[in-house]
Every structure is written in structure tokens, then in C-alpha cells.
């Protein structure tokens, strides 16, 4: 518990001190934001604002976790390393996208397929390592079962055979990572919107990881399906370390939000939004709460859904639109809502989604037939 608090505070401290330094550095070297020409007129004033701030809170997260573990003289867990590796790997794809925009002096970076290809490569490495590497207790961080609040027996992909089940699970993991990282990326359209929503979402995994640690099957003599049937316990690898990583991300984002809120002095860029989405998916996978991610990442999924609905309706009706502009937060901008009003109201929606997710997680434990 002390390591969790210390690491989170350290990540916050690094972020809130390093972000203004990054603002000055990025402005000096010309890492400024490019704005889409067809966007709301109010956004043109944001052109040139330093971007790629995600570098700062990603480094703050890694340093906060690393230093916290060193101070506690406690080695890092496999699960934590997998999540941090996924976050950094997906963030690197975002960095390439941002750097391409700056180099080409336009608002378009890597092609959509190029970004997806990069996410697939990083996600495949994550999935394979999670399936075959073992932690200090001899367990792999994931199983071949798709999970809700815990692994769902009738959705165990191993029933199709080890080879087929492994391939299907890797494809499922890739879908989660690509979908979530791009959803957070689409949400990053207003000052502080994605940052605040991510703080709320990762806070859920601080609670989930800490709760799973307190209710670990190891306290009943080891993990495994037998113990889960006998007790209301969780067979999750290093849940406390997952909670520590989540707390570090929350701390780093709070420090970043100080400068990212309206009017933003720095944007997170794709390096930040893609990395956050990747980490969010990774936590859902390693805590065995994959389907619960639908609620934890409720706001990004709603925002992304508005884009999908807009495009489908546009094609079916040959030019008609449901929203004035998508993603949906731009629709409300064009309707005259103040940017800060949209952001706060969307944060409330994100909070309600996360509250529902945490509520379902706890309700499952309370109503578990064993125990």
C-alpha cells in the first residue's frame, strides 16, 4: 500500500515539474500542434500549441513505478513490465505519427493502416509473452479464457484446441488493444478531455487491482480454478503491481492535466492517447476483466461510436449526417456549447460508466456462489 501511494505521488511530482520544462523545449524545437482545416473555428487558435506531451507522463509513469520498487527493494512483476512495455510500445507508434505530422507540416501523420500495423506488432508481442512467460508463482499472466469480471468457463478458447485457441486469443487481444488505443485517441479532441477521462478510468484499475490482491487465491494455498470454485478469490498474477502501475498513470496524468486543461498549454498528442489506450486494454486483459472494459472505457467507446455511426449513416443516405460533426464532442461545440462545459459533462459520463463498472465488479464478488 505504501509503495502504491509513494509511486503515484512520485509520478505526479515528476509530471508536474517536467511538463512546463517540456512546454518550453517543445516550443523551442517546433513541436507544435496542427489543426484539421474542417474543424471548429475556435480550434484554429490552438495551432502551434506544443504537442507530444504524452512523452512526459509516460516517462513519469515508468520512473514512478521503477523508483518506487527500488525504494521498497521489491523486484518488478511480470504483469507490471508487460503493461509498461505495452504502453511504451504503443506510445512509440503514436510518437512516429506525431513526428510525421511535424516533419511534413500537416495535420495527417502515419496512414491508418500503418498505425494499425504498428499496434498489431506491439500487441502480438504482448499477447505471446503474456501467454507463455511465467511469474514468480509459476503462473502465466493470462489464460485462454475470455473474461468478464473473472474468466468465463464457457468462453474458454482452449476448447478449440491449444493452437487454434492461442491464435483466437491473440486475435482477441489485438482487437482490444487496437480498439481501445484508437478510441482514446479519438477522444483526445478537447482540452483535458482524454486526460480527465483516463484519470477516471485508470482509477478503476487501482481499486480492482488492490481488491484482487486482498482477495487473491494465493492466501488460500495457491491459485487455480479449484480455489476459485471454493472461495471468492481471484487467480490474477501480481494484482497489486497492476494497481501500482495504474496509480502511477493516474498521478502522472493529474500532474499533466494541470497544464492540459482549458486553455491547454500542451497537448498529449498521439504518443499520449495511443499509449494510454494500450495500457488500459493491457490492464483489462491482465486483471481478467476484459468485457468490463466496455464500461471502464465507456466514454472513449461512445465517442468512437459516434464516428462510426456518422460514417455509416453518411454512406447509407448518400451525404446526410446525424451529427453536425464527429466525434460527438465537436457536434456540441458547433451547437454553441462552451468547451469547458463539454469536457466537464463528458467527465461526468466517464465517471458514471466507471462507477457502473466498479459496482458490477464488486457485485459479482458479493453474489459469488462460493465463499
Protein backbone atom coordinates (compact mmCIF):
# COMPACT_ATOMS: atom_id res chain seq x y z
CA UNK A 1 0.00 0.00 0.00
CA UNK A 2 2.82 2.40 0.88
CA UNK A 3 4.60 1.65 -2.40
CA UNK A 4 1.38 2.39 -4.30
CA UNK A 5 0.95 5.81 -2.66
CA UNK A 6 4.65 6.70 -2.89
CA UNK A 7 4.94 5.66 -6.55
CA UNK A 8 1.80 7.58 -7.51
CA UNK A 9 2.99 10.72 -5.71
CA UNK A 10 6.41 10.44 -7.32
CA UNK A 11 4.86 10.08 -10.80
CA UNK A 12 2.72 13.16 -10.08
CA UNK A 13 5.74 15.14 -8.90
CA UNK A 14 7.83 14.23 -11.95
CA UNK A 15 4.96 15.08 -14.28
CA UNK A 16 4.02 18.43 -12.77
CA UNK A 17 7.67 19.55 -12.69
CA UNK A 18 8.70 18.16 -16.09
CA UNK A 19 5.65 19.29 -18.09
CA UNK A 20 6.43 23.06 -18.05
CA UNK A 21 10.02 22.22 -18.99
CA UNK A 22 8.70 20.17 -21.89
CA UNK A 23 6.43 23.03 -22.96
CA UNK A 24 9.40 25.36 -23.30
CA UNK A 25 11.54 22.71 -25.01
CA UNK A 26 8.87 21.61 -27.48
CA UNK A 27 8.04 25.23 -28.35
CA UNK A 28 11.72 25.92 -28.98
CA UNK A 29 12.20 22.93 -31.31
CA UNK A 30 8.92 23.49 -33.12
CA UNK A 31 6.83 20.56 -31.89
CA UNK A 32 3.54 22.42 -32.34
CA UNK A 33 0.01 21.14 -32.90
CA UNK A 34 -1.53 21.08 -36.38
CA UNK A 35 -5.30 21.58 -36.57
CA UNK A 36 -7.64 19.97 -39.12
CA UNK A 37 -8.93 22.58 -41.56
CA UNK A 38 -12.53 21.36 -41.35
CA UNK A 39 -12.61 21.54 -37.56
CA UNK A 40 -14.44 24.11 -35.42
CA UNK A 41 -13.19 27.67 -35.95
CA UNK A 42 -12.32 28.01 -32.27
CA UNK A 43 -9.65 25.31 -32.69
CA UNK A 44 -7.56 27.36 -35.10
CA UNK A 45 -6.29 29.41 -32.16
CA UNK A 46 -4.71 26.20 -30.83
CA UNK A 47 -2.42 25.85 -33.82
CA UNK A 48 1.21 25.78 -32.69
CA UNK A 49 0.48 24.72 -29.11
CA UNK A 50 3.22 22.29 -28.01
CA UNK A 51 2.20 18.67 -28.52
CA UNK A 52 3.58 15.20 -27.74
CA UNK A 53 3.13 15.84 -24.02
CA UNK A 54 2.41 12.15 -23.68
CA UNK A 55 6.17 11.65 -23.60
CA UNK A 56 6.22 13.38 -20.22
CA UNK A 57 3.53 11.39 -18.42
CA UNK A 58 4.70 8.12 -19.98
CA UNK A 59 8.20 8.70 -18.62
CA UNK A 60 6.76 9.86 -15.29
CA UNK A 61 4.77 6.62 -15.05
CA UNK A 62 7.78 4.42 -15.79
CA UNK A 63 10.05 6.36 -13.42
CA UNK A 64 7.43 6.50 -10.65
CA UNK A 65 6.96 2.74 -10.75
CA UNK A 66 10.68 1.94 -11.09
CA UNK A 67 11.87 4.22 -8.30
CA UNK A 68 9.03 3.10 -6.03
CA UNK A 69 10.04 -0.54 -6.45
CA UNK A 70 13.71 0.28 -5.87
CA UNK A 71 12.95 2.17 -2.67
CA UNK A 72 10.84 -0.75 -1.44
CA UNK A 73 13.62 -3.13 -2.53
CA UNK A 74 10.98 -5.15 -4.35
CA UNK A 75 11.57 -6.59 -7.85
CA UNK A 76 9.11 -5.63 -10.61
CA UNK A 77 6.47 -8.16 -11.51
CA UNK A 78 5.95 -9.69 -14.95
CA UNK A 79 2.46 -8.20 -15.20
CA UNK A 80 3.69 -4.67 -14.49
CA UNK A 81 6.50 -5.00 -17.03
CA UNK A 82 4.07 -6.26 -19.65
CA UNK A 83 1.72 -3.30 -19.14
CA UNK A 84 4.53 -0.75 -19.12
CA UNK A 85 6.07 -2.38 -22.20
CA UNK A 86 2.71 -2.28 -23.99
CA UNK A 87 2.17 1.35 -23.04
CA UNK A 88 5.63 2.41 -24.22
CA UNK A 89 5.41 0.31 -27.39
CA UNK A 90 2.04 1.71 -28.47
CA UNK A 91 3.16 5.21 -27.44
CA UNK A 92 6.14 4.85 -29.79
CA UNK A 93 3.71 4.26 -32.67
CA UNK A 94 1.97 7.47 -31.63
CA UNK A 95 5.32 9.28 -31.50
CA UNK A 96 6.05 8.26 -35.08
CA UNK A 97 2.62 9.56 -36.09
CA UNK A 98 3.12 12.89 -34.31
CA UNK A 99 6.66 13.32 -35.62
CA UNK A 100 5.47 12.64 -39.17
CA UNK A 101 2.89 15.41 -38.83
CA UNK A 102 5.52 17.85 -37.63
CA UNK A 103 8.06 16.83 -40.28
CA UNK A 104 5.52 17.11 -43.11
CA UNK A 105 3.93 20.27 -41.67
CA UNK A 106 0.40 18.90 -41.94
CA UNK A 107 -2.32 17.51 -39.68
CA UNK A 108 -2.06 13.99 -41.13
CA UNK A 109 0.69 11.66 -39.92
CA UNK A 110 1.01 7.93 -40.49
CA UNK A 111 -1.68 6.30 -42.58
CA UNK A 112 -4.39 4.49 -40.68
CA UNK A 113 -3.15 1.10 -41.82
CA UNK A 114 0.43 1.95 -40.85
CA UNK A 115 -0.69 2.80 -37.30
CA UNK A 116 -2.75 -0.37 -37.05
CA UNK A 117 0.19 -2.44 -38.33
CA UNK A 118 2.39 -0.98 -35.59
CA UNK A 119 -0.25 -1.65 -32.95
CA UNK A 120 -0.64 -5.23 -34.19
CA UNK A 121 3.11 -5.87 -33.94
CA UNK A 122 3.35 -4.50 -30.39
CA UNK A 123 0.11 -6.20 -29.35
CA UNK A 124 1.22 -9.57 -30.70
CA UNK A 125 4.45 -9.42 -28.69
CA UNK A 126 2.44 -8.52 -25.58
CA UNK A 127 -0.06 -11.36 -26.11
CA UNK A 128 2.58 -14.03 -26.77
CA UNK A 129 4.70 -13.02 -23.77
CA UNK A 130 1.63 -12.93 -21.51
CA UNK A 131 0.62 -16.40 -22.67
CA UNK A 132 3.97 -18.14 -22.32
CA UNK A 133 6.06 -16.34 -19.68
CA UNK A 134 5.51 -17.32 -16.05
CA UNK A 135 5.59 -15.20 -12.92
CA UNK A 136 7.34 -15.96 -9.63
CA UNK A 137 4.44 -18.25 -8.66
CA UNK A 138 4.75 -20.27 -11.88
CA UNK A 139 1.58 -18.83 -13.43
CA UNK A 140 1.10 -17.20 -16.81
CA UNK A 141 -0.48 -13.71 -16.53
CA UNK A 142 -3.33 -14.71 -18.85
CA UNK A 143 -5.33 -17.80 -19.74
CA UNK A 144 -7.09 -18.66 -22.99
CA UNK A 145 -10.49 -17.80 -21.47
CA UNK A 146 -12.25 -14.56 -22.31
CA UNK A 147 -13.11 -12.81 -19.05
CA UNK A 148 -15.85 -10.60 -17.69
CA UNK A 149 -15.17 -9.92 -14.02
CA UNK A 150 -13.13 -13.12 -13.99
CA UNK A 151 -12.52 -15.89 -16.55
CA UNK A 152 -15.73 -17.20 -18.12
CA UNK A 153 -15.56 -21.03 -18.40
CA UNK A 154 -17.86 -21.31 -21.44
CA UNK A 155 -15.75 -18.72 -23.27
CA UNK A 156 -12.53 -20.68 -22.78
CA UNK A 157 -10.90 -20.69 -26.21
CA UNK A 158 -8.84 -23.75 -25.23
CA UNK A 159 -11.89 -25.85 -26.13
CA UNK A 160 -10.93 -25.32 -29.79
CA UNK A 161 -7.51 -26.86 -29.16
CA UNK A 162 -4.31 -25.25 -27.90
CA UNK A 163 -3.12 -23.99 -31.30
CA UNK A 164 -6.48 -22.69 -32.50
CA UNK A 165 -7.29 -21.32 -29.04
CA UNK A 166 -3.97 -19.48 -28.87
CA UNK A 167 -4.49 -17.90 -32.29
CA UNK A 168 -8.04 -16.85 -31.40
CA UNK A 169 -6.89 -15.38 -28.07
CA UNK A 170 -4.11 -13.38 -29.73
CA UNK A 171 -6.64 -12.01 -32.23
CA UNK A 172 -8.96 -11.10 -29.33
CA UNK A 173 -6.13 -9.31 -27.52
CA UNK A 174 -5.19 -7.43 -30.70
CA UNK A 175 -8.80 -6.34 -31.18
CA UNK A 176 -8.92 -4.99 -27.62
CA UNK A 177 -5.62 -3.14 -27.90
CA UNK A 178 -6.28 -1.61 -31.32
CA UNK A 179 -9.86 -0.66 -30.46
CA UNK A 180 -9.08 0.87 -27.07
CA UNK A 181 -5.95 2.76 -28.10
CA UNK A 182 -7.72 4.29 -31.10
CA UNK A 183 -10.81 5.06 -29.01
CA UNK A 184 -8.77 7.11 -26.53
CA UNK A 185 -7.03 8.74 -29.49
CA UNK A 186 -10.37 9.84 -30.97
CA UNK A 187 -11.47 11.17 -27.56
CA UNK A 188 -8.44 13.46 -27.38
CA UNK A 189 -10.11 16.37 -29.17
CA UNK A 190 -10.75 18.98 -26.47
CA UNK A 191 -8.53 20.46 -23.78
CA UNK A 192 -8.23 17.98 -20.91
CA UNK A 193 -10.99 15.66 -22.17
CA UNK A 194 -8.94 12.49 -22.72
CA UNK A 195 -6.68 13.27 -19.76
CA UNK A 196 -9.51 13.60 -17.26
CA UNK A 197 -11.42 10.61 -18.66
CA UNK A 198 -8.26 8.50 -18.45
CA UNK A 199 -7.68 9.51 -14.82
CA UNK A 200 -11.16 8.25 -14.00
CA UNK A 201 -10.70 5.01 -15.99
CA UNK A 202 -7.31 4.09 -14.53
CA UNK A 203 -8.59 4.84 -11.04
CA UNK A 204 -10.93 1.88 -11.55
CA UNK A 205 -7.92 -0.41 -12.01
CA UNK A 206 -6.30 0.96 -8.86
CA UNK A 207 -9.36 -0.30 -6.98
CA UNK A 208 -9.73 -3.54 -8.97
CA UNK A 209 -6.06 -4.48 -8.67
CA UNK A 210 -5.92 -3.69 -4.95
CA UNK A 211 -9.14 -5.61 -4.29
CA UNK A 212 -7.88 -8.63 -6.24
CA UNK A 213 -4.67 -8.51 -4.20
CA UNK A 214 -6.62 -8.57 -0.93
CA UNK A 215 -8.80 -11.42 -2.22
CA UNK A 216 -6.07 -13.40 -4.02
CA UNK A 217 -6.40 -17.17 -4.25
CA UNK A 218 -2.80 -17.42 -3.01
CA UNK A 219 -3.97 -16.73 0.53
CA UNK A 220 -5.94 -19.99 0.36
CA UNK A 221 -2.93 -22.08 -0.57
CA UNK A 222 -2.35 -21.29 -4.23
CA UNK A 223 -4.14 -20.17 -7.37
CA UNK A 224 -6.14 -22.09 -9.89
CA UNK A 225 -9.70 -22.94 -10.83
CA UNK A 226 -10.19 -25.21 -7.80
CA UNK A 227 -9.60 -22.37 -5.40
CA UNK A 228 -11.83 -20.02 -7.37
CA UNK A 229 -14.65 -22.55 -7.02
CA UNK A 230 -14.07 -22.89 -3.28
CA UNK A 231 -13.58 -19.23 -2.38
CA UNK A 232 -14.50 -15.79 -3.67
CA UNK A 233 -10.90 -15.25 -4.73
CA UNK A 234 -9.06 -14.08 -7.86
CA UNK A 235 -6.41 -16.07 -9.68
CA UNK A 236 -4.61 -12.98 -11.06
CA UNK A 237 -0.86 -12.56 -11.39
CA UNK A 238 0.56 -9.65 -9.33
CA UNK A 239 -2.66 -7.62 -9.00
CA UNK A 240 -1.05 -5.21 -6.51
CA UNK A 241 1.65 -4.33 -9.02
CA UNK A 242 -1.02 -3.70 -11.64
CA UNK A 243 -2.68 -1.34 -9.17
CA UNK A 244 0.66 0.40 -8.60
CA UNK A 245 1.15 0.95 -12.34
CA UNK A 246 -2.43 2.27 -12.60
CA UNK A 247 -1.81 4.64 -9.68
CA UNK A 248 1.38 5.89 -11.34
CA UNK A 249 -0.55 6.64 -14.52
CA UNK A 250 -3.21 8.46 -12.51
CA UNK A 251 -0.58 10.51 -10.65
CA UNK A 252 1.29 11.36 -13.86
CA UNK A 253 -1.94 12.39 -15.60
CA UNK A 254 -3.02 14.64 -12.74
CA UNK A 255 0.29 16.47 -12.99
CA UNK A 256 -0.14 16.75 -16.76
CA UNK A 257 -3.77 17.91 -16.52
CA UNK A 258 -2.61 20.98 -14.60
CA UNK A 259 -1.23 22.28 -17.92
CA UNK A 260 -3.55 20.43 -20.31
CA UNK A 261 -6.83 21.86 -19.00
CA UNK A 262 -8.56 24.76 -20.77
CA UNK A 263 -6.80 26.73 -22.16
CA UNK A 264 -4.28 23.96 -22.78
CA UNK A 265 -0.61 24.90 -22.77
CA UNK A 266 0.34 21.46 -24.09
CA UNK A 267 -1.41 18.55 -25.80
CA UNK A 268 -0.71 14.87 -25.19
CA UNK A 269 -0.58 14.01 -28.89
CA UNK A 270 -0.96 10.52 -30.32
CA UNK A 271 2.07 9.43 -28.31
CA UNK A 272 -0.02 10.01 -25.20
CA UNK A 273 -3.51 8.95 -26.27
CA UNK A 274 -2.47 5.75 -28.05
CA UNK A 275 -0.19 4.75 -25.15
CA UNK A 276 -2.97 5.32 -22.61
CA UNK A 277 -5.40 3.23 -24.62
CA UNK A 278 -2.88 0.43 -24.89
CA UNK A 279 -2.24 0.45 -21.14
CA UNK A 280 -5.98 0.47 -20.43
CA UNK A 281 -6.50 -2.61 -22.61
CA UNK A 282 -3.48 -4.31 -21.04
CA UNK A 283 -4.87 -3.83 -17.53
CA UNK A 284 -8.23 -5.27 -18.53
CA UNK A 285 -6.50 -8.32 -20.00
CA UNK A 286 -4.14 -8.96 -17.09
CA UNK A 287 -6.78 -8.39 -14.39
CA UNK A 288 -9.09 -10.80 -16.25
CA UNK A 289 -11.78 -8.12 -16.61
CA UNK A 290 -11.80 -7.87 -20.38
CA UNK A 291 -15.53 -7.40 -21.03
CA UNK A 292 -15.74 -4.97 -18.10
CA UNK A 293 -13.55 -2.67 -20.21
CA UNK A 294 -16.69 -1.78 -22.17
CA UNK A 295 -17.78 0.25 -19.13
CA UNK A 296 -14.36 1.33 -17.85
CA UNK A 297 -13.61 2.82 -21.28
CA UNK A 298 -17.25 3.80 -21.73
CA UNK A 299 -16.66 7.42 -22.78
CA UNK A 300 -13.98 6.65 -25.43
CA UNK A 301 -16.24 3.92 -26.85
CA UNK A 302 -19.21 6.32 -27.01
CA UNK A 303 -17.09 8.95 -28.76
CA UNK A 304 -15.70 6.40 -31.23
CA UNK A 305 -19.18 5.00 -31.76
CA UNK A 306 -20.36 8.46 -32.82
CA UNK A 307 -17.72 8.48 -35.56
CA UNK A 308 -18.74 5.03 -36.80
CA UNK A 309 -22.46 5.90 -36.77
CA UNK A 310 -21.78 9.16 -38.62
CA UNK A 311 -19.80 7.46 -41.38
CA UNK A 312 -22.25 4.59 -41.83
CA UNK A 313 -25.24 6.96 -41.94
CA UNK A 314 -23.39 9.27 -44.35
CA UNK A 315 -22.78 6.41 -46.78
CA UNK A 316 -26.25 4.89 -46.49
CA UNK A 317 -28.02 8.23 -47.03
CA UNK A 318 -25.51 9.47 -49.64
CA UNK A 319 -24.38 12.59 -47.83
CA UNK A 320 -26.70 13.17 -44.87
CA UNK A 321 -25.35 13.49 -41.33
CA UNK A 322 -26.68 12.70 -37.87
CA UNK A 323 -24.21 14.99 -36.07
CA UNK A 324 -23.03 18.41 -37.18
CA UNK A 325 -19.52 16.97 -36.89
CA UNK A 326 -17.97 13.85 -35.45
CA UNK A 327 -16.55 12.90 -32.98
CA UNK A 328 -19.59 13.89 -30.96
CA UNK A 329 -17.81 16.49 -28.78
CA UNK A 330 -17.34 18.62 -31.92
CA UNK A 331 -21.09 18.34 -32.55
CA UNK A 332 -21.78 20.05 -29.25
CA UNK A 333 -19.13 22.68 -29.99
CA UNK A 334 -20.92 23.61 -33.20
CA UNK A 335 -24.19 23.76 -31.26
CA UNK A 336 -22.64 26.52 -29.17
CA UNK A 337 -21.61 24.69 -26.00
CA UNK A 338 -18.51 26.09 -24.30
CA UNK A 339 -15.51 23.77 -24.49
CA UNK A 340 -15.11 23.53 -20.73
CA UNK A 341 -18.83 22.67 -20.41
CA UNK A 342 -18.49 19.77 -22.85
CA UNK A 343 -15.36 18.49 -21.12
CA UNK A 344 -16.85 18.53 -17.62
CA UNK A 345 -20.09 16.90 -18.75
CA UNK A 346 -18.18 14.21 -20.62
CA UNK A 347 -16.06 13.62 -17.49
CA UNK A 348 -19.34 13.06 -15.61
CA UNK A 349 -20.38 10.47 -18.21
CA UNK A 350 -16.97 8.79 -17.89
CA UNK A 351 -17.37 8.75 -14.10
CA UNK A 352 -20.82 7.18 -14.31
CA UNK A 353 -19.52 4.47 -16.65
CA UNK A 354 -16.58 3.68 -14.36
CA UNK A 355 -18.83 3.71 -11.28
CA UNK A 356 -21.07 1.16 -13.00
CA UNK A 357 -18.02 -0.98 -13.86
CA UNK A 358 -16.68 -0.95 -10.31
CA UNK A 359 -20.17 -1.60 -8.99
CA UNK A 360 -20.57 -4.67 -11.22
CA UNK A 361 -17.10 -5.88 -10.21
CA UNK A 362 -17.97 -5.67 -6.51
CA UNK A 363 -21.49 -7.04 -7.03
CA UNK A 364 -20.05 -10.16 -8.65
CA UNK A 365 -17.87 -10.74 -5.59
CA UNK A 366 -20.75 -10.20 -3.17
CA UNK A 367 -23.07 -12.55 -5.05
CA UNK A 368 -20.43 -15.18 -5.89
CA UNK A 369 -21.97 -18.58 -5.05
CA UNK A 370 -18.87 -19.75 -3.15
CA UNK A 371 -17.21 -18.30 -0.10
